[in-house]
Amino acid sequence: MKKEAAAYLEIGRKLKEAQESQMFGKPCFKIKGKAFISLFDNEMVFKLTGEVHRDALSLDGTRQFDPSGKKRPMKEWVQVPYDYVDKWAEFAKEALNYVGSETT
């Protein structure tokens, strides 16, 4: 297993109520049936909003998630390179809180 996948799984499995699943044929974690984090091209992807979304996008190499590669990014999703693995757990918690609160 690659270090990126190992880090992703460790982070996701530590989050209460998170369930392992699939999104676009890629691994993801969901809360209440909705995806909030994923692993894509060995980078972690987070559904974020507000200031945290802006902070994530401000990091070098991050970008809006475009799984189709057709320049149709998913507005709230941010793809963050392994260079920022130290921020992945924080972003994952924020994504869990965001998606968990929007499903209630």
Protein backbone atom coordinates (compact mmCIF):
# COMPACT_ATOMS: atom_id res chain seq x y z
CA MET A 1 0.00 0.00 0.00
CA LYS A 2 1.29 3.44 -0.89
CA LYS A 3 2.00 5.94 1.86
CA GLU A 4 -0.77 8.22 0.57
CA ALA A 5 -3.40 5.47 0.78
CA ALA A 6 -2.17 4.42 4.22
CA ALA A 7 -2.43 7.99 5.53
CA TYR A 8 -5.89 8.42 4.00
CA LEU A 9 -7.17 5.18 5.57
CA GLU A 10 -5.67 5.96 8.97
CA ILE A 11 -7.32 9.38 9.01
CA GLY A 12 -10.71 8.18 7.77
CA ARG A 13 -10.89 5.19 10.11
CA LYS A 14 -10.29 7.40 13.15
CA LEU A 15 -13.33 9.59 12.41
CA LYS A 16 -16.43 8.65 14.38
CA GLU A 17 -19.47 7.73 12.27
CA ALA A 18 -17.39 7.62 9.06
CA GLN A 19 -18.09 4.68 6.79
CA GLU A 20 -15.78 3.39 4.06
CA SER A 21 -17.38 3.43 0.62
CA GLN A 22 -16.78 4.32 -3.05
CA MET A 23 -17.27 7.51 -5.09
CA PHE A 24 -16.54 7.56 -8.83
CA GLY A 25 -14.95 4.14 -8.38
CA LYS A 26 -12.47 5.55 -5.87
CA PRO A 27 -12.30 5.00 -2.12
CA CYS A 28 -14.16 7.47 0.04
CA PHE A 29 -15.59 7.88 3.50
CA LYS A 30 -19.19 8.89 4.03
CA ILE A 31 -21.29 10.20 6.86
CA LYS A 32 -25.03 9.53 6.78
CA GLY A 33 -24.67 8.29 3.20
CA LYS A 34 -22.85 11.38 1.89
CA ALA A 35 -19.19 11.46 0.88
CA PHE A 36 -16.95 13.95 2.64
CA ILE A 37 -13.40 12.72 1.85
CA SER A 38 -11.84 10.63 -0.89
CA LEU A 39 -8.51 9.51 -2.28
CA PHE A 40 -7.86 10.38 -5.93
CA ASP A 41 -4.54 10.17 -7.77
CA ASN A 42 -2.74 9.63 -4.44
CA GLU A 43 -4.08 12.93 -3.12
CA MET A 44 -6.76 13.44 -0.52
CA VAL A 45 -9.95 15.19 -1.51
CA PHE A 46 -12.20 17.07 0.94
CA LYS A 47 -15.67 18.61 0.74
CA LEU A 48 -15.19 21.98 2.43
CA THR A 49 -16.85 25.35 2.69
CA GLY A 50 -16.08 28.88 3.85
CA GLU A 51 -12.72 29.88 5.25
CA VAL A 52 -11.43 26.31 5.47
CA HIS A 53 -12.18 25.85 1.75
CA ARG A 54 -10.25 29.04 0.95
CA ASP A 55 -7.36 28.00 3.22
CA ALA A 56 -7.09 24.61 1.52
CA LEU A 57 -7.14 26.14 -1.96
CA SER A 58 -4.42 28.63 -0.96
CA LEU A 59 -1.86 25.83 -0.53
CA ASP A 60 0.55 25.33 -3.43
CA GLY A 61 -0.53 22.48 -5.68
CA THR A 62 -4.08 22.22 -4.38
CA ARG A 63 -6.97 22.58 -6.79
CA GLN A 64 -10.67 22.09 -7.10
CA PHE A 65 -11.51 18.43 -7.58
CA ASP A 66 -12.20 17.58 -11.24
CA PRO A 67 -12.59 13.78 -11.39
CA SER A 68 -13.65 13.81 -15.05
CA GLY A 69 -10.63 15.83 -16.16
CA LYS A 70 -12.96 17.84 -18.41
CA LYS A 71 -12.55 21.19 -16.63
CA ARG A 72 -15.76 20.71 -14.66
CA PRO A 73 -14.52 20.91 -11.07
CA MET A 74 -16.78 20.10 -8.18
CA LYS A 75 -17.25 23.46 -6.49
CA GLU A 76 -16.88 22.53 -2.82
CA TRP A 77 -14.29 19.77 -3.24
CA VAL A 78 -10.56 20.47 -2.84
CA GLN A 79 -7.78 18.07 -3.88
CA VAL A 80 -4.77 18.39 -1.58
CA PRO A 81 -1.36 16.83 -2.39
CA TYR A 82 0.54 14.54 -0.02
CA ASP A 83 2.98 17.43 0.58
CA TYR A 84 0.33 18.66 3.05
CA VAL A 85 -0.35 15.31 4.76
CA ASP A 86 0.09 17.13 8.08
CA LYS A 87 -3.10 19.08 7.27
CA TRP A 88 -5.15 16.13 5.98
CA ALA A 89 -6.60 15.12 9.38
CA GLU A 90 -7.68 18.69 10.13
CA PHE A 91 -9.34 19.07 6.73
CA ALA A 92 -11.00 15.65 7.13
CA LYS A 93 -12.55 16.71 10.46
CA GLU A 94 -13.78 19.94 8.91
CA ALA A 95 -15.27 18.02 5.97
CA LEU A 96 -16.97 15.54 8.33
CA ASN A 97 -18.45 18.38 10.37
CA TYR A 98 -19.61 20.22 7.25
CA VAL A 99 -21.21 17.26 5.49
CA GLY A 100 -22.54 15.82 8.75
CA SER A 101 -24.29 19.09 9.58
CA GLU A 102 -25.80 19.47 6.10
CA THR A 103 -27.43 16.02 6.27
CA THR A 104 -29.35 16.65 9.49
